[in-house]
Amino acid sequence: MEALEPLNPARISKLESLSYKELHARIKLHILDLLQHDFEQLAALMYRHDVSESRFNKALQLPNDNQRADDIATLVIEREKQKIATRLAYAKQKAKTIDKTPDDTK
């Protein structure tokens, strides 16, 4: 098994081939590093990804950095999945609106 490395933004297109477990592990590794070395950057990333502040703060109350990083990684993935679902729903709604013919609106 190859050594696990944090996510590299330059190689983001390769994320499609990651399993949930591997994606979670890589995000967790990055978050763990930020928890230990750059909390300000971690907080900024949570804000940028629109992670629930209350859930983030709750995760920070866990007893150790490993548990905190695990929970925060889950929060990030859940939030990104929500954003994808919202975009898909919006795109479907927009497509329905565009597909309407003048006869459909009567």
PDB file of N, CA and C in Angstrom:
ATOM      1  N   MET A   1       0.849  -1.189   0.000  1.00  0.00           N
ATOM      2  CA  MET A   1       0.000   0.000   0.000  1.00  0.00           C
ATOM      3  C   MET A   1       0.893   1.250   0.000  1.00  0.00           C
ATOM      4  N   GLU A   2       0.574   2.194  -0.875  1.00  0.00           N
ATOM      5  CA  GLU A   2       1.397   3.401  -0.955  1.00  0.00           C
ATOM      6  C   GLU A   2       1.107   4.326   0.218  1.00  0.00           C
ATOM      7  N   ALA A   3       2.091   5.137   0.570  1.00  0.00           N
ATOM      8  CA  ALA A   3       1.932   6.072   1.677  1.00  0.00           C
ATOM      9  C   ALA A   3       0.846   7.085   1.344  1.00  0.00           C
ATOM     10  N   LEU A   4       0.048   7.392   2.328  1.00  0.00           N
ATOM     11  CA  LEU A   4      -1.043   8.343   2.148  1.00  0.00           C
ATOM     12  C   LEU A   4      -0.484   9.754   2.196  1.00  0.00           C
ATOM     13  N   GLU A   5      -0.867  10.564   1.224  1.00  0.00           N
ATOM     14  CA  GLU A   5      -0.416  11.946   1.165  1.00  0.00           C
ATOM     15  C   GLU A   5      -1.627  12.862   1.195  1.00  0.00           C
ATOM     16  N   PRO A   6      -1.447  14.085   1.698  1.00  0.00           N
ATOM     17  CA  PRO A   6      -2.564  15.036   1.668  1.00  0.00           C
ATOM     18  C   PRO A   6      -2.970  15.344   0.228  1.00  0.00           C
ATOM     19  N   LEU A   7      -4.150  15.899   0.077  1.00  0.00           N
ATOM     20  CA  LEU A   7      -4.634  16.275  -1.247  1.00  0.00           C
ATOM     21  C   LEU A   7      -3.749  17.360  -1.832  1.00  0.00           C
ATOM     22  N   ASN A   8      -3.463  17.230  -3.099  1.00  0.00           N
ATOM     23  CA  ASN A   8      -2.670  18.218  -3.817  1.00  0.00           C
ATOM     24  C   ASN A   8      -3.614  18.935  -4.778  1.00  0.00           C
ATOM     25  N   PRO A   9      -3.888  20.229  -4.555  1.00  0.00           N
ATOM     26  CA  PRO A   9      -4.827  20.948  -5.423  1.00  0.00           C
ATOM     27  C   PRO A   9      -4.487  20.870  -6.907  1.00  0.00           C
ATOM     28  N   ALA A  10      -3.217  20.739  -7.248  1.00  0.00           N
ATOM     29  CA  ALA A  10      -2.822  20.657  -8.656  1.00  0.00           C
ATOM     30  C   ALA A  10      -3.276  19.346  -9.292  1.00  0.00           C
ATOM     31  N   ARG A  11      -3.567  18.342  -8.466  1.00  0.00           N
ATOM     32  CA  ARG A  11      -3.983  17.041  -8.985  1.00  0.00           C
ATOM     33  C   ARG A  11      -5.451  16.755  -8.649  1.00  0.00           C
ATOM     34  N   ILE A  12      -6.246  17.780  -8.496  1.00  0.00           N
ATOM     35  CA  ILE A  12      -7.636  17.643  -8.067  1.00  0.00           C
ATOM     36  C   ILE A  12      -8.470  16.797  -9.027  1.00  0.00           C
ATOM     37  N   SER A  13      -8.138  16.785 -10.306  1.00  0.00           N
ATOM     38  CA  SER A  13      -8.916  16.015 -11.277  1.00  0.00           C
ATOM     39  C   SER A  13      -8.839  14.517 -11.006  1.00  0.00           C
ATOM     40  N   LYS A  14      -7.822  14.079 -10.306  1.00  0.00           N
ATOM     41  CA  LYS A  14      -7.678  12.654  -9.994  1.00  0.00           C
ATOM     42  C   LYS A  14      -8.580  12.225  -8.838  1.00  0.00           C
ATOM     43  N   LEU A  15      -9.268  13.151  -8.209  1.00  0.00           N
ATOM     44  CA  LEU A  15     -10.128  12.819  -7.073  1.00  0.00           C
ATOM     45  C   LEU A  15     -11.281  11.914  -7.463  1.00  0.00           C
ATOM     46  N   GLU A  16     -11.705  11.969  -8.708  1.00  0.00           N
ATOM     47  CA  GLU A  16     -12.821  11.142  -9.146  1.00  0.00           C
ATOM     48  C   GLU A  16     -12.535   9.664  -8.961  1.00  0.00           C
ATOM     49  N   SER A  17     -11.270   9.286  -8.967  1.00  0.00           N
ATOM     50  CA  SER A  17     -10.919   7.874  -8.841  1.00  0.00           C
ATOM     51  C   SER A  17     -10.735   7.433  -7.388  1.00  0.00           C
ATOM     52  N   LEU A  18     -10.849   8.348  -6.438  1.00  0.00           N
ATOM     53  CA  LEU A  18     -10.683   7.999  -5.031  1.00  0.00           C
ATOM     54  C   LEU A  18     -11.962   7.406  -4.457  1.00  0.00           C
ATOM     55  N   SER A  19     -11.801   6.422  -3.601  1.00  0.00           N
ATOM     56  CA  SER A  19     -12.948   5.903  -2.858  1.00  0.00           C
ATOM     57  C   SER A  19     -13.285   6.915  -1.761  1.00  0.00           C
ATOM     58  N   TYR A  20     -14.476   6.787  -1.202  1.00  0.00           N
ATOM     59  CA  TYR A  20     -14.863   7.673  -0.097  1.00  0.00           C
ATOM     60  C   TYR A  20     -13.846   7.548   1.032  1.00  0.00           C
ATOM     61  N   LYS A  21     -13.467   6.318   1.339  1.00  0.00           N
ATOM     62  CA  LYS A  21     -12.545   6.057   2.449  1.00  0.00           C
ATOM     63  C   LYS A  21     -11.195   6.746   2.224  1.00  0.00           C
ATOM     64  N   GLU A  22     -10.675   6.657   0.999  1.00  0.00           N
ATOM     65  CA  GLU A  22      -9.390   7.287   0.704  1.00  0.00           C
ATOM     66  C   GLU A  22      -9.511   8.811   0.694  1.00  0.00           C
ATOM     67  N   LEU A  23     -10.592   9.327   0.118  1.00  0.00           N
ATOM     68  CA  LEU A  23     -10.819  10.771   0.122  1.00  0.00           C
ATOM     69  C   LEU A  23     -10.881  11.285   1.558  1.00  0.00           C
ATOM     70  N   HIS A  24     -11.657  10.591   2.392  1.00  0.00           N
ATOM     71  CA  HIS A  24     -11.787  10.981   3.801  1.00  0.00           C
ATOM     72  C   HIS A  24     -10.419  10.959   4.491  1.00  0.00           C
ATOM     73  N   ALA A  25      -9.652   9.909   4.251  1.00  0.00           N
ATOM     74  CA  ALA A  25      -8.336   9.783   4.887  1.00  0.00           C
ATOM     75  C   ALA A  25      -7.403  10.920   4.473  1.00  0.00           C
ATOM     76  N   ARG A  26      -7.437  11.285   3.207  1.00  0.00           N
ATOM     77  CA  ARG A  26      -6.556  12.365   2.726  1.00  0.00           C
ATOM     78  C   ARG A  26      -6.989  13.721   3.275  1.00  0.00           C
ATOM     79  N   ILE A  27      -8.281  13.963   3.300  1.00  0.00           N
ATOM     80  CA  ILE A  27      -8.772  15.224   3.876  1.00  0.00           C
ATOM     81  C   ILE A  27      -8.435  15.272   5.362  1.00  0.00           C
ATOM     82  N   LYS A  28      -8.649  14.152   6.040  1.00  0.00           N
ATOM     83  CA  LYS A  28      -8.341  14.075   7.475  1.00  0.00           C
ATOM     84  C   LYS A  28      -6.867  14.388   7.729  1.00  0.00           C
ATOM     85  N   LEU A  29      -5.989  13.843   6.922  1.00  0.00           N
ATOM     86  CA  LEU A  29      -4.554  14.078   7.077  1.00  0.00           C
ATOM     87  C   LEU A  29      -4.225  15.564   6.937  1.00  0.00           C
ATOM     88  N   HIS A  30      -4.836  16.202   5.957  1.00  0.00           N
ATOM     89  CA  HIS A  30      -4.614  17.639   5.749  1.00  0.00           C
ATOM     90  C   HIS A  30      -5.161  18.436   6.935  1.00  0.00           C
ATOM     91  N   ILE A  31      -6.340  18.078   7.396  1.00  0.00           N
ATOM     92  CA  ILE A  31      -6.954  18.784   8.526  1.00  0.00           C
ATOM     93  C   ILE A  31      -6.130  18.590   9.792  1.00  0.00           C
ATOM     94  N   LEU A  32      -5.638  17.390  10.002  1.00  0.00           N
ATOM     95  CA  LEU A  32      -4.799  17.116  11.170  1.00  0.00           C
ATOM     96  C   LEU A  32      -3.566  18.020  11.165  1.00  0.00           C
ATOM     97  N   ASP A  33      -2.946  18.160  10.003  1.00  0.00           N
ATOM     98  CA  ASP A  33      -1.789  19.044   9.879  1.00  0.00           C
ATOM     99  C   ASP A  33      -2.174  20.488  10.208  1.00  0.00           C
ATOM    100  N   LEU A  34      -3.314  20.933   9.694  1.00  0.00           N
ATOM    101  CA  LEU A  34      -3.759  22.301   9.969  1.00  0.00           C
ATOM    102  C   LEU A  34      -4.109  22.485  11.443  1.00  0.00           C
ATOM    103  N   LEU A  35      -4.732  21.495  12.056  1.00  0.00           N
ATOM    104  CA  LEU A  35      -5.048  21.580  13.488  1.00  0.00           C
ATOM    105  C   LEU A  35      -3.778  21.787  14.312  1.00  0.00           C
ATOM    106  N   GLN A  36      -2.721  21.120  13.922  1.00  0.00           N
ATOM    107  CA  GLN A  36      -1.487  21.155  14.697  1.00  0.00           C
ATOM    108  C   GLN A  36      -0.568  22.323  14.348  1.00  0.00           C
ATOM    109  N   HIS A  37      -0.708  22.862  13.123  1.00  0.00           N
ATOM    110  CA  HIS A  37       0.274  23.861  12.693  1.00  0.00           C
ATOM    111  C   HIS A  37      -0.299  25.184  12.186  1.00  0.00           C
ATOM    112  N   ASP A  38      -1.567  25.216  11.797  1.00  0.00           N
ATOM    113  CA  ASP A  38      -2.119  26.454  11.222  1.00  0.00           C
ATOM    114  C   ASP A  38      -3.634  26.498  11.402  1.00  0.00           C
ATOM    115  N   PHE A  39      -4.055  26.669  12.657  1.00  0.00           N
ATOM    116  CA  PHE A  39      -5.485  26.662  12.953  1.00  0.00           C
ATOM    117  C   PHE A  39      -6.219  27.781  12.215  1.00  0.00           C
ATOM    118  N   GLU A  40      -5.577  28.920  12.067  1.00  0.00           N
ATOM    119  CA  GLU A  40      -6.201  30.044  11.357  1.00  0.00           C
ATOM    120  C   GLU A  40      -6.578  29.658   9.925  1.00  0.00           C
ATOM    121  N   GLN A  41      -5.672  28.961   9.259  1.00  0.00           N
ATOM    122  CA  GLN A  41      -5.928  28.501   7.892  1.00  0.00           C
ATOM    123  C   GLN A  41      -7.075  27.492   7.876  1.00  0.00           C
ATOM    124  N   LEU A  42      -7.118  26.610   8.867  1.00  0.00           N
ATOM    125  CA  LEU A  42      -8.204  25.631   8.960  1.00  0.00           C
ATOM    126  C   LEU A  42      -9.546  26.343   9.110  1.00  0.00           C
ATOM    127  N   ALA A  43      -9.606  27.318  10.000  1.00  0.00           N
ATOM    128  CA  ALA A  43     -10.848  28.064  10.205  1.00  0.00           C
ATOM    129  C   ALA A  43     -11.263  28.781   8.919  1.00  0.00           C
ATOM    130  N   ALA A  44     -10.302  29.345   8.202  1.00  0.00           N
ATOM    131  CA  ALA A  44     -10.608  30.023   6.938  1.00  0.00           C
ATOM    132  C   ALA A  44     -11.147  29.035   5.903  1.00  0.00           C
ATOM    133  N   LEU A  45     -10.568  27.842   5.854  1.00  0.00           N
ATOM    134  CA  LEU A  45     -11.052  26.820   4.914  1.00  0.00           C
ATOM    135  C   LEU A  45     -12.470  26.370   5.255  1.00  0.00           C
ATOM    136  N   MET A  46     -12.764  26.246   6.541  1.00  0.00           N
ATOM    137  CA  MET A  46     -14.119  25.838   6.937  1.00  0.00           C
ATOM    138  C   MET A  46     -15.126  26.911   6.527  1.00  0.00           C
ATOM    139  N   TYR A  47     -14.734  28.162   6.674  1.00  0.00           N
ATOM    140  CA  TYR A  47     -15.597  29.266   6.252  1.00  0.00           C
ATOM    141  C   TYR A  47     -15.791  29.237   4.737  1.00  0.00           C
ATOM    142  N   ARG A  48     -14.707  29.048   4.006  1.00  0.00           N
ATOM    143  CA  ARG A  48     -14.757  29.027   2.544  1.00  0.00           C
ATOM    144  C   ARG A  48     -15.620  27.873   2.027  1.00  0.00           C
ATOM    145  N   HIS A  49     -15.559  26.738   2.705  1.00  0.00           N
ATOM    146  CA  HIS A  49     -16.353  25.574   2.287  1.00  0.00           C
ATOM    147  C   HIS A  49     -17.760  25.594   2.875  1.00  0.00           C
ATOM    148  N   ASP A  50     -18.060  26.628   3.650  1.00  0.00           N
ATOM    149  CA  ASP A  50     -19.390  26.818   4.221  1.00  0.00           C
ATOM    150  C   ASP A  50     -19.790  25.666   5.146  1.00  0.00           C
ATOM    151  N   VAL A  51     -18.825  25.195   5.927  1.00  0.00           N
ATOM    152  CA  VAL A  51     -19.098  24.154   6.920  1.00  0.00           C
ATOM    153  C   VAL A  51     -19.795  24.814   8.103  1.00  0.00           C
ATOM    154  N   SER A  52     -20.799  24.147   8.647  1.00  0.00           N
ATOM    155  CA  SER A  52     -21.549  24.664   9.784  1.00  0.00           C
ATOM    156  C   SER A  52     -20.603  25.030  10.930  1.00  0.00           C
ATOM    157  N   GLU A  53     -20.681  26.279  11.355  1.00  0.00           N
ATOM    158  CA  GLU A  53     -19.810  26.743  12.435  1.00  0.00           C
ATOM    159  C   GLU A  53     -20.086  25.995  13.733  1.00  0.00           C
ATOM    160  N   SER A  54     -21.352  25.742  14.019  1.00  0.00           N
ATOM    161  CA  SER A  54     -21.684  25.037  15.263  1.00  0.00           C
ATOM    162  C   SER A  54     -21.182  23.593  15.237  1.00  0.00           C
ATOM    163  N   ARG A  55     -21.306  22.934  14.088  1.00  0.00           N
ATOM    164  CA  ARG A  55     -20.810  21.557  13.985  1.00  0.00           C
ATOM    165  C   ARG A  55     -19.281  21.525  14.023  1.00  0.00           C
ATOM    166  N   PHE A  56     -18.642  22.520  13.429  1.00  0.00           N
ATOM    167  CA  PHE A  56     -17.182  22.628  13.474  1.00  0.00           C
ATOM    168  C   PHE A  56     -16.720  22.817  14.918  1.00  0.00           C
ATOM    169  N   ASN A  57     -17.379  23.731  15.632  1.00  0.00           N
ATOM    170  CA  ASN A  57     -17.019  23.974  17.029  1.00  0.00           C
ATOM    171  C   ASN A  57     -17.253  22.733  17.890  1.00  0.00           C
ATOM    172  N   LYS A  58     -18.314  22.002  17.592  1.00  0.00           N
ATOM    173  CA  LYS A  58     -18.585  20.759  18.327  1.00  0.00           C
ATOM    174  C   LYS A  58     -17.463  19.746  18.077  1.00  0.00           C
ATOM    175  N   ALA A  59     -17.007  19.650  16.836  1.00  0.00           N
ATOM    176  CA  ALA A  59     -15.910  18.736  16.505  1.00  0.00           C
ATOM    177  C   ALA A  59     -14.633  19.128  17.247  1.00  0.00           C
ATOM    178  N   LEU A  60     -14.429  20.416  17.432  1.00  0.00           N
ATOM    179  CA  LEU A  60     -13.227  20.886  18.128  1.00  0.00           C
ATOM    180  C   LEU A  60     -13.229  20.506  19.605  1.00  0.00           C
ATOM    181  N   GLN A  61     -14.396  20.155  20.133  1.00  0.00           N
ATOM    182  CA  GLN A  61     -14.501  19.770  21.540  1.00  0.00           C
ATOM    183  C   GLN A  61     -14.114  18.312  21.785  1.00  0.00           C
ATOM    184  N   LEU A  62     -13.902  17.554  20.723  1.00  0.00           N
ATOM    185  CA  LEU A  62     -13.518  16.150  20.877  1.00  0.00           C
ATOM    186  C   LEU A  62     -12.166  16.064  21.588  1.00  0.00           C
ATOM    187  N   PRO A  63     -11.888  14.922  22.236  1.00  0.00           N
ATOM    188  CA  PRO A  63     -10.728  14.834  23.130  1.00  0.00           C
ATOM    189  C   PRO A  63      -9.333  14.905  22.501  1.00  0.00           C
ATOM    190  N   ASN A  64      -9.181  14.570  21.221  1.00  0.00           N
ATOM    191  CA  ASN A  64      -7.828  14.635  20.651  1.00  0.00           C
ATOM    192  C   ASN A  64      -7.874  15.055  19.185  1.00  0.00           C
ATOM    193  N   ASP A  65      -6.722  15.452  18.674  1.00  0.00           N
ATOM    194  CA  ASP A  65      -6.637  15.963  17.302  1.00  0.00           C
ATOM    195  C   ASP A  65      -7.066  14.936  16.264  1.00  0.00           C
ATOM    196  N   ASN A  66      -6.761  13.672  16.491  1.00  0.00           N
ATOM    197  CA  ASN A  66      -7.135  12.634  15.535  1.00  0.00           C
ATOM    198  C   ASN A  66      -8.658  12.540  15.397  1.00  0.00           C
ATOM    199  N   GLN A  67      -9.359  12.561  16.525  1.00  0.00           N
ATOM    200  CA  GLN A  67     -10.826  12.521  16.485  1.00  0.00           C
ATOM    201  C   GLN A  67     -11.386  13.808  15.882  1.00  0.00           C
ATOM    202  N   ARG A  68     -10.786  14.927  16.223  1.00  0.00           N
ATOM    203  CA  ARG A  68     -11.234  16.211  15.669  1.00  0.00           C
ATOM    204  C   ARG A  68     -11.088  16.206  14.149  1.00  0.00           C
ATOM    205  N   ALA A  69      -9.918  15.789  13.673  1.00  0.00           N
ATOM    206  CA  ALA A  69      -9.657  15.768  12.228  1.00  0.00           C
ATOM    207  C   ALA A  69     -10.613  14.819  11.517  1.00  0.00           C
ATOM    208  N   ASP A  70     -10.894  13.676  12.120  1.00  0.00           N
ATOM    209  CA  ASP A  70     -11.818  12.707  11.531  1.00  0.00           C
ATOM    210  C   ASP A  70     -13.212  13.315  11.382  1.00  0.00           C
ATOM    211  N   ASP A  71     -13.693  13.942  12.434  1.00  0.00           N
ATOM    212  CA  ASP A  71     -15.031  14.534  12.411  1.00  0.00           C
ATOM    213  C   ASP A  71     -15.102  15.707  11.433  1.00  0.00           C
ATOM    214  N   ILE A  72     -14.088  16.536  11.407  1.00  0.00           N
ATOM    215  CA  ILE A  72     -14.073  17.697  10.509  1.00  0.00           C
ATOM    216  C   ILE A  72     -14.005  17.244   9.054  1.00  0.00           C
ATOM    217  N   ALA A  73     -13.240  16.201   8.769  1.00  0.00           N
ATOM    218  CA  ALA A  73     -13.185  15.668   7.401  1.00  0.00           C
ATOM    219  C   ALA A  73     -14.570  15.211   6.959  1.00  0.00           C
ATOM    220  N   THR A  74     -15.293  14.559   7.856  1.00  0.00           N
ATOM    221  CA  THR A  74     -16.659  14.130   7.548  1.00  0.00           C
ATOM    222  C   THR A  74     -17.549  15.336   7.275  1.00  0.00           C
ATOM    223  N   LEU A  75     -17.408  16.386   8.076  1.00  0.00           N
ATOM    224  CA  LEU A  75     -18.201  17.605   7.866  1.00  0.00           C
ATOM    225  C   LEU A  75     -17.930  18.215   6.494  1.00  0.00           C
ATOM    226  N   VAL A  76     -16.676  18.263   6.103  1.00  0.00           N
ATOM    227  CA  VAL A  76     -16.305  18.843   4.808  1.00  0.00           C
ATOM    228  C   VAL A  76     -16.922  18.033   3.671  1.00  0.00           C
ATOM    229  N   ILE A  77     -16.791  16.722   3.735  1.00  0.00           N
ATOM    230  CA  ILE A  77     -17.336  15.870   2.675  1.00  0.00           C
ATOM    231  C   ILE A  77     -18.854  15.976   2.622  1.00  0.00           C
ATOM    232  N   GLU A  78     -19.510  15.951   3.784  1.00  0.00           N
ATOM    233  CA  GLU A  78     -20.973  16.083   3.811  1.00  0.00           C
ATOM    234  C   GLU A  78     -21.410  17.404   3.185  1.00  0.00           C
ATOM    235  N   ARG A  79     -20.713  18.479   3.523  1.00  0.00           N
ATOM    236  CA  ARG A  79     -21.090  19.796   2.997  1.00  0.00           C
ATOM    237  C   ARG A  79     -20.884  19.864   1.490  1.00  0.00           C
ATOM    238  N   GLU A  80     -19.789  19.307   1.010  1.00  0.00           N
ATOM    239  CA  GLU A  80     -19.551  19.308  -0.434  1.00  0.00           C
ATOM    240  C   GLU A  80     -20.603  18.464  -1.158  1.00  0.00           C
ATOM    241  N   LYS A  81     -21.014  17.358  -0.567  1.00  0.00           N
ATOM    242  CA  LYS A  81     -22.067  16.535  -1.166  1.00  0.00           C
ATOM    243  C   LYS A  81     -23.390  17.306  -1.216  1.00  0.00           C
ATOM    244  N   GLN A  82     -23.684  18.070  -0.161  1.00  0.00           N
ATOM    245  CA  GLN A  82     -24.894  18.901  -0.153  1.00  0.00           C
ATOM    246  C   GLN A  82     -24.843  19.935  -1.267  1.00  0.00           C
ATOM    247  N   LYS A  83     -23.696  20.558  -1.452  1.00  0.00           N
ATOM    248  CA  LYS A  83     -23.568  21.576  -2.496  1.00  0.00           C
ATOM    249  C   LYS A  83     -23.733  20.963  -3.885  1.00  0.00           C
ATOM    250  N   ILE A  84     -23.204  19.768  -4.088  1.00  0.00           N
ATOM    251  CA  ILE A  84     -23.372  19.083  -5.373  1.00  0.00           C
ATOM    252  C   ILE A  84     -24.842  18.779  -5.615  1.00  0.00           C
ATOM    253  N   ALA A  85     -25.533  18.268  -4.593  1.00  0.00           N
ATOM    254  CA  ALA A  85     -26.956  17.942  -4.729  1.00  0.00           C
ATOM    255  C   ALA A  85     -27.771  19.194  -5.051  1.00  0.00           C
ATOM    256  N   THR A  86     -27.447  20.292  -4.405  1.00  0.00           N
ATOM    257  CA  THR A  86     -28.154  21.549  -4.665  1.00  0.00           C
ATOM    258  C   THR A  86     -27.922  22.016  -6.096  1.00  0.00           C
ATOM    259  N   ARG A  87     -26.689  21.946  -6.556  1.00  0.00           N
ATOM    260  CA  ARG A  87     -26.384  22.356  -7.934  1.00  0.00           C
ATOM    261  C   ARG A  87     -27.116  21.483  -8.949  1.00  0.00           C
ATOM    262  N   LEU A  88     -27.161  20.175  -8.690  1.00  0.00           N
ATOM    263  CA  LEU A  88     -27.863  19.269  -9.603  1.00  0.00           C
ATOM    264  C   LEU A  88     -29.358  19.571  -9.633  1.00  0.00           C
ATOM    265  N   ALA A  89     -29.939  19.798  -8.462  1.00  0.00           N
ATOM    266  CA  ALA A  89     -31.364  20.111  -8.392  1.00  0.00           C
ATOM    267  C   ALA A  89     -31.655  21.425  -9.117  1.00  0.00           C
ATOM    268  N   TYR A  90     -30.800  22.412  -8.926  1.00  0.00           N
ATOM    269  CA  TYR A  90     -30.978  23.695  -9.592  1.00  0.00           C
ATOM    270  C   TYR A  90     -30.848  23.538 -11.102  1.00  0.00           C
ATOM    271  N   ALA A  91     -29.872  22.753 -11.540  1.00  0.00           N
ATOM    272  CA  ALA A  91     -29.674  22.539 -12.981  1.00  0.00           C
ATOM    273  C   ALA A  91     -30.881  21.837 -13.597  1.00  0.00           C
ATOM    274  N   LYS A  92     -31.450  20.864 -12.890  1.00  0.00           N
ATOM    275  CA  LYS A  92     -32.643  20.173 -13.390  1.00  0.00           C
ATOM    276  C   LYS A  92     -33.814  21.140 -13.491  1.00  0.00           C
ATOM    277  N   GLN A  93     -33.983  21.970 -12.470  1.00  0.00           N
ATOM    278  CA  GLN A  93     -35.077  22.942 -12.478  1.00  0.00           C
ATOM    279  C   GLN A  93     -34.892  23.942 -13.610  1.00  0.00           C
ATOM    280  N   LYS A  94     -33.671  24.382 -13.802  1.00  0.00           N
ATOM    281  CA  LYS A  94     -33.382  25.335 -14.873  1.00  0.00           C
ATOM    282  C   LYS A  94     -33.642  24.694 -16.236  1.00  0.00           C
ATOM    283  N   ALA A  95     -33.259  23.430 -16.398  1.00  0.00           N
ATOM    284  CA  ALA A  95     -33.484  22.722 -17.660  1.00  0.00           C
ATOM    285  C   ALA A  95     -34.973  22.587 -17.939  1.00  0.00           C
ATOM    286  N   LYS A  96     -35.768  22.313 -16.915  1.00  0.00           N
ATOM    287  CA  LYS A  96     -37.219  22.203 -17.089  1.00  0.00           C
ATOM    288  C   LYS A  96     -37.799  23.537 -17.546  1.00  0.00           C
ATOM    289  N   THR A  97     -37.319  24.624 -16.967  1.00  0.00           N
ATOM    290  CA  THR A  97     -37.800  25.953 -17.325  1.00  0.00           C
ATOM    291  C   THR A  97     -37.443  26.285 -18.771  1.00  0.00           C
ATOM    292  N   ILE A  98     -36.242  25.948 -19.176  1.00  0.00           N
ATOM    293  CA  ILE A  98     -35.787  26.227 -20.542  1.00  0.00           C
ATOM    294  C   ILE A  98     -36.540  25.368 -21.547  1.00  0.00           C
ATOM    295  N   ASP A  99     -36.834  24.120 -21.180  1.00  0.00           N
ATOM    296  CA  ASP A  99     -37.500  23.186 -22.089  1.00  0.00           C
ATOM    297  C   ASP A  99     -38.977  23.506 -22.316  1.00  0.00           C
ATOM    298  N   LYS A 100     -39.553  24.346 -21.483  1.00  0.00           N
ATOM    299  CA  LYS A 100     -40.972  24.669 -21.653  1.00  0.00           C
ATOM    300  C   LYS A 100     -41.192  25.407 -22.969  1.00  0.00           C
ATOM    301  N   THR A 101     -42.194  24.974 -23.678  1.00  0.00           N
ATOM    302  CA  THR A 101     -42.578  25.675 -24.903  1.00  0.00           C
ATOM    303  C   THR A 101     -43.692  26.640 -24.543  1.00  0.00           C
ATOM    304  N   PRO A 102     -44.001  27.594 -25.413  1.00  0.00           N
ATOM    305  CA  PRO A 102     -45.088  28.531 -25.114  1.00  0.00           C
ATOM    306  C   PRO A 102     -46.412  27.815 -24.831  1.00  0.00           C
ATOM    307  N   ASP A 103     -46.651  26.659 -25.454  1.00  0.00           N
ATOM    308  CA  ASP A 103     -47.888  25.919 -25.210  1.00  0.00           C
ATOM    309  C   ASP A 103     -47.941  25.369 -23.792  1.00  0.00           C
ATOM    310  N   ASP A 104     -46.790  25.065 -23.201  1.00  0.00           N
ATOM    311  CA  ASP A 104     -46.735  24.514 -21.847  1.00  0.00           C
ATOM    312  C   ASP A 104     -47.089  25.552 -20.793  1.00  0.00           C
ATOM    313  N   THR A 105     -46.941  26.808 -21.099  1.00  0.00           N
ATOM    314  CA  THR A 105     -47.166  27.850 -20.105  1.00  0.00           C
ATOM    315  C   THR A 105     -48.609  28.308 -20.053  1.00  0.00           C
ATOM    316  N   LYS A 106     -49.458  27.810 -20.957  1.00  0.00           N
ATOM    317  CA  LYS A 106     -50.867  28.228 -20.974  1.00  0.00           C
ATOM    318  C   LYS A 106     -51.691  27.410 -20.029  1.00  0.00           C
TER     319      LYS A 106
END
